[in-house]
Amino acid sequence: MPDLPRQEDIDELMRALGADPGKAAAPAPEKPAPLPAEPVSPPPRSESGLDFLSDVDVNVRIELGTARMHVQDVLKLGSGSVVPLESLVGDPVNVFVNDRLVARGEVLVVNENFAVRITEVIPLPKSEK
């Protein structure tokens, strides 16, 4: 059975993704709650471990390649248009989370859907650790 992640690791991940670790835990109450007469233990965590992160929004972008085009050429694009990219078939694709490069991978077709297999995780720069 794999070890559950530590809270410190989750907080570091949330900071790396640009989210406020305290913000995902619980929404701020509208008015202050009365203090309990005796200490209250925290609610038990769910068995799956990371369910409390399910409502955290992150933007994920997969960059297949880039192309330079004039605006007039972009306006001519329509359904079925082909845009040549400045990358080759088989080149790794970049995976961005909240506009930060976090991984590289390869494009796959799984059950007639496109998917990305992560092949390399990009470490955080030393200044952000």
C-alpha atoms as a PDB file:
ATOM      1  CA  MET A   1       0.000   0.000   0.000  1.00  0.00           C
ATOM      2  CA  PRO A   2       1.587   3.327  -1.020  1.00  0.00           C
ATOM      3  CA  ASP A   3       2.274   5.929   1.637  1.00  0.00           C
ATOM      4  CA  LEU A   4      -0.136   8.836   1.776  1.00  0.00           C
ATOM      5  CA  PRO A   5       1.407  12.204   0.854  1.00  0.00           C
ATOM      6  CA  ARG A   6       2.531  14.456   3.701  1.00  0.00           C
ATOM      7  CA  GLN A   7       0.791  17.787   4.196  1.00  0.00           C
ATOM      8  CA  GLU A   8       4.108  19.609   3.622  1.00  0.00           C
ATOM      9  CA  ASP A   9       4.460  17.939   0.205  1.00  0.00           C
ATOM     10  CA  ILE A  10       0.910  18.901  -0.737  1.00  0.00           C
ATOM     11  CA  ASP A  11       1.480  22.513   0.368  1.00  0.00           C
ATOM     12  CA  GLU A  12       4.689  22.686  -1.686  1.00  0.00           C
ATOM     13  CA  LEU A  13       2.871  21.302  -4.735  1.00  0.00           C
ATOM     14  CA  MET A  14       0.071  23.838  -4.316  1.00  0.00           C
ATOM     15  CA  ARG A  15       2.601  26.704  -4.072  1.00  0.00           C
ATOM     16  CA  ALA A  16       4.398  25.418  -7.192  1.00  0.00           C
ATOM     17  CA  LEU A  17       1.107  25.395  -9.094  1.00  0.00           C
ATOM     18  CA  GLY A  18       0.385  28.974  -8.046  1.00  0.00           C
ATOM     19  CA  ALA A  19      -2.480  28.145  -5.720  1.00  0.00           C
ATOM     20  CA  ASP A  20      -2.817  29.214  -2.103  1.00  0.00           C
ATOM     21  CA  PRO A  21      -2.523  26.010  -0.007  1.00  0.00           C
ATOM     22  CA  GLY A  22      -4.782  27.401   2.719  1.00  0.00           C
ATOM     23  CA  LYS A  23      -7.427  28.451   0.212  1.00  0.00           C
ATOM     24  CA  ALA A  24      -8.204  24.907  -0.959  1.00  0.00           C
ATOM     25  CA  ALA A  25      -8.763  23.537   2.531  1.00  0.00           C
ATOM     26  CA  ALA A  26     -12.034  25.315   3.313  1.00  0.00           C
ATOM     27  CA  PRO A  27     -13.850  28.496   2.315  1.00  0.00           C
ATOM     28  CA  ALA A  28     -13.689  31.362   4.773  1.00  0.00           C
ATOM     29  CA  PRO A  29     -16.775  31.594   6.982  1.00  0.00           C
ATOM     30  CA  GLU A  30     -19.001  34.603   6.413  1.00  0.00           C
ATOM     31  CA  LYS A  31     -19.092  35.465  10.110  1.00  0.00           C
ATOM     32  CA  PRO A  32     -16.794  34.344  12.892  1.00  0.00           C
ATOM     33  CA  ALA A  33     -17.839  31.068  14.455  1.00  0.00           C
ATOM     34  CA  PRO A  34     -18.215  30.974  18.240  1.00  0.00           C
ATOM     35  CA  LEU A  35     -15.297  29.368  20.040  1.00  0.00           C
ATOM     36  CA  PRO A  36     -16.047  25.842  21.270  1.00  0.00           C
ATOM     37  CA  ALA A  37     -15.985  25.189  25.019  1.00  0.00           C
ATOM     38  CA  GLU A  38     -13.438  22.386  24.554  1.00  0.00           C
ATOM     39  CA  PRO A  39     -10.894  21.623  21.799  1.00  0.00           C
ATOM     40  CA  VAL A  40     -12.338  20.022  18.702  1.00  0.00           C
ATOM     41  CA  SER A  41     -10.322  17.430  16.790  1.00  0.00           C
ATOM     42  CA  PRO A  42      -9.943  18.005  13.038  1.00  0.00           C
ATOM     43  CA  PRO A  43     -12.302  16.063  10.792  1.00  0.00           C
ATOM     44  CA  PRO A  44     -10.882  12.745   9.609  1.00  0.00           C
ATOM     45  CA  ARG A  45      -9.374  12.750   6.129  1.00  0.00           C
ATOM     46  CA  SER A  46     -11.013  10.667   3.464  1.00  0.00           C
ATOM     47  CA  GLU A  47      -9.545   7.272   2.639  1.00  0.00           C
ATOM     48  CA  SER A  48      -8.399   8.327  -0.845  1.00  0.00           C
ATOM     49  CA  GLY A  49      -6.088  10.968   0.649  1.00  0.00           C
ATOM     50  CA  LEU A  50      -6.265  13.670  -2.032  1.00  0.00           C
ATOM     51  CA  ASP A  51     -10.038  14.136  -2.358  1.00  0.00           C
ATOM     52  CA  PHE A  52      -9.804  17.512  -0.641  1.00  0.00           C
ATOM     53  CA  LEU A  53      -7.900  18.798  -3.721  1.00  0.00           C
ATOM     54  CA  SER A  54     -10.748  17.911  -6.086  1.00  0.00           C
ATOM     55  CA  ASP A  55     -12.190  21.451  -6.061  1.00  0.00           C
ATOM     56  CA  VAL A  56      -8.875  23.230  -6.774  1.00  0.00           C
ATOM     57  CA  ASP A  57      -8.889  24.756 -10.257  1.00  0.00           C
ATOM     58  CA  VAL A  58      -5.716  24.529 -12.339  1.00  0.00           C
ATOM     59  CA  ASN A  59      -5.199  25.349 -15.991  1.00  0.00           C
ATOM     60  CA  VAL A  60      -3.490  22.571 -17.948  1.00  0.00           C
ATOM     61  CA  ARG A  61      -2.160  23.294 -21.438  1.00  0.00           C
ATOM     62  CA  ILE A  62      -0.432  20.854 -23.791  1.00  0.00           C
ATOM     63  CA  GLU A  63       1.763  22.573 -26.369  1.00  0.00           C
ATOM     64  CA  LEU A  64       2.177  20.453 -29.484  1.00  0.00           C
ATOM     65  CA  GLY A  65       4.284  23.045 -31.278  1.00  0.00           C
ATOM     66  CA  THR A  66       4.333  26.642 -32.442  1.00  0.00           C
ATOM     67  CA  ALA A  67       3.749  28.437 -35.714  1.00  0.00           C
ATOM     68  CA  ARG A  68       4.219  32.035 -36.854  1.00  0.00           C
ATOM     69  CA  MET A  69       1.449  33.396 -39.038  1.00  0.00           C
ATOM     70  CA  HIS A  70       0.264  36.766 -40.245  1.00  0.00           C
ATOM     71  CA  VAL A  71      -3.123  37.887 -38.944  1.00  0.00           C
ATOM     72  CA  GLN A  72      -4.566  37.837 -42.464  1.00  0.00           C
ATOM     73  CA  ASP A  73      -3.575  34.153 -42.757  1.00  0.00           C
ATOM     74  CA  VAL A  74      -5.150  33.341 -39.373  1.00  0.00           C
ATOM     75  CA  LEU A  75      -8.404  34.979 -40.486  1.00  0.00           C
ATOM     76  CA  LYS A  76      -8.465  32.695 -43.546  1.00  0.00           C
ATOM     77  CA  LEU A  77      -8.377  29.531 -41.401  1.00  0.00           C
ATOM     78  CA  GLY A  78     -11.493  27.413 -41.399  1.00  0.00           C
ATOM     79  CA  SER A  79     -12.637  23.928 -40.559  1.00  0.00           C
ATOM     80  CA  GLY A  80     -10.143  21.426 -41.967  1.00  0.00           C
ATOM     81  CA  SER A  81      -7.316  23.963 -42.331  1.00  0.00           C
ATOM     82  CA  VAL A  82      -3.825  22.627 -41.699  1.00  0.00           C
ATOM     83  CA  VAL A  83      -1.304  24.742 -39.802  1.00  0.00           C
ATOM     84  CA  PRO A  84       2.302  23.531 -40.063  1.00  0.00           C
ATOM     85  CA  LEU A  85       4.047  23.536 -36.684  1.00  0.00           C
ATOM     86  CA  GLU A  86       7.705  24.184 -35.914  1.00  0.00           C
ATOM     87  CA  SER A  87       8.151  20.708 -34.421  1.00  0.00           C
ATOM     88  CA  LEU A  88       8.576  17.228 -35.817  1.00  0.00           C
ATOM     89  CA  VAL A  89       6.430  14.136 -35.378  1.00  0.00           C
ATOM     90  CA  GLY A  90       7.722  12.334 -32.318  1.00  0.00           C
ATOM     91  CA  ASP A  91       9.067  15.479 -30.644  1.00  0.00           C
ATOM     92  CA  PRO A  92       8.042  15.712 -26.996  1.00  0.00           C
ATOM     93  CA  VAL A  93       5.078  17.941 -26.171  1.00  0.00           C
ATOM     94  CA  ASN A  94       5.257  20.462 -23.333  1.00  0.00           C
ATOM     95  CA  VAL A  95       2.814  20.213 -20.419  1.00  0.00           C
ATOM     96  CA  PHE A  96       2.052  23.491 -18.654  1.00  0.00           C
ATOM     97  CA  VAL A  97       0.131  23.868 -15.383  1.00  0.00           C
ATOM     98  CA  ASN A  98      -0.926  27.442 -14.584  1.00  0.00           C
ATOM     99  CA  ASP A  99       1.452  28.671 -17.334  1.00  0.00           C
ATOM    100  CA  ARG A 100       4.447  26.880 -15.778  1.00  0.00           C
ATOM    101  CA  LEU A 101       6.277  24.145 -17.686  1.00  0.00           C
ATOM    102  CA  VAL A 102       6.004  21.088 -15.433  1.00  0.00           C
ATOM    103  CA  ALA A 103       6.566  18.113 -17.747  1.00  0.00           C
ATOM    104  CA  ARG A 104       7.201  16.790 -21.221  1.00  0.00           C
ATOM    105  CA  GLY A 105       5.440  13.863 -22.788  1.00  0.00           C
ATOM    106  CA  GLU A 106       4.394  12.057 -25.919  1.00  0.00           C
ATOM    107  CA  VAL A 107       1.050  12.085 -27.692  1.00  0.00           C
ATOM    108  CA  LEU A 108      -0.855   8.792 -27.800  1.00  0.00           C
ATOM    109  CA  VAL A 109      -4.198   7.698 -29.193  1.00  0.00           C
ATOM    110  CA  VAL A 110      -6.211   5.720 -26.641  1.00  0.00           C
ATOM    111  CA  ASN A 111      -9.689   4.460 -27.602  1.00  0.00           C
ATOM    112  CA  GLU A 112      -9.898   7.039 -30.426  1.00  0.00           C
ATOM    113  CA  ASN A 113      -8.996   9.871 -27.987  1.00  0.00           C
ATOM    114  CA  PHE A 114      -5.756  11.813 -27.794  1.00  0.00           C
ATOM    115  CA  ALA A 115      -3.757  11.413 -24.589  1.00  0.00           C
ATOM    116  CA  VAL A 116      -0.353  12.487 -23.306  1.00  0.00           C
ATOM    117  CA  ARG A 117       2.043  10.086 -21.583  1.00  0.00           C
ATOM    118  CA  ILE A 118       4.356  11.992 -19.241  1.00  0.00           C
ATOM    119  CA  THR A 119       7.975  11.040 -19.976  1.00  0.00           C
ATOM    120  CA  GLU A 120       9.836  13.740 -18.044  1.00  0.00           C
ATOM    121  CA  VAL A 121       8.932  15.862 -15.033  1.00  0.00           C
ATOM    122  CA  ILE A 122      10.652  19.249 -14.996  1.00  0.00           C
ATOM    123  CA  PRO A 123      12.135  20.037 -11.550  1.00  0.00           C
ATOM    124  CA  LEU A 124      11.406  23.363  -9.895  1.00  0.00           C
ATOM    125  CA  PRO A 125      14.119  25.999 -10.246  1.00  0.00           C
ATOM    126  CA  LYS A 126      16.295  26.151  -7.111  1.00  0.00           C
ATOM    127  CA  SER A 127      15.122  29.710  -6.361  1.00  0.00           C
ATOM    128  CA  GLU A 128      11.500  28.505  -5.931  1.00  0.00           C
ATOM    129  CA  LYS A 129      12.175  25.523  -3.622  1.00  0.00           C
END
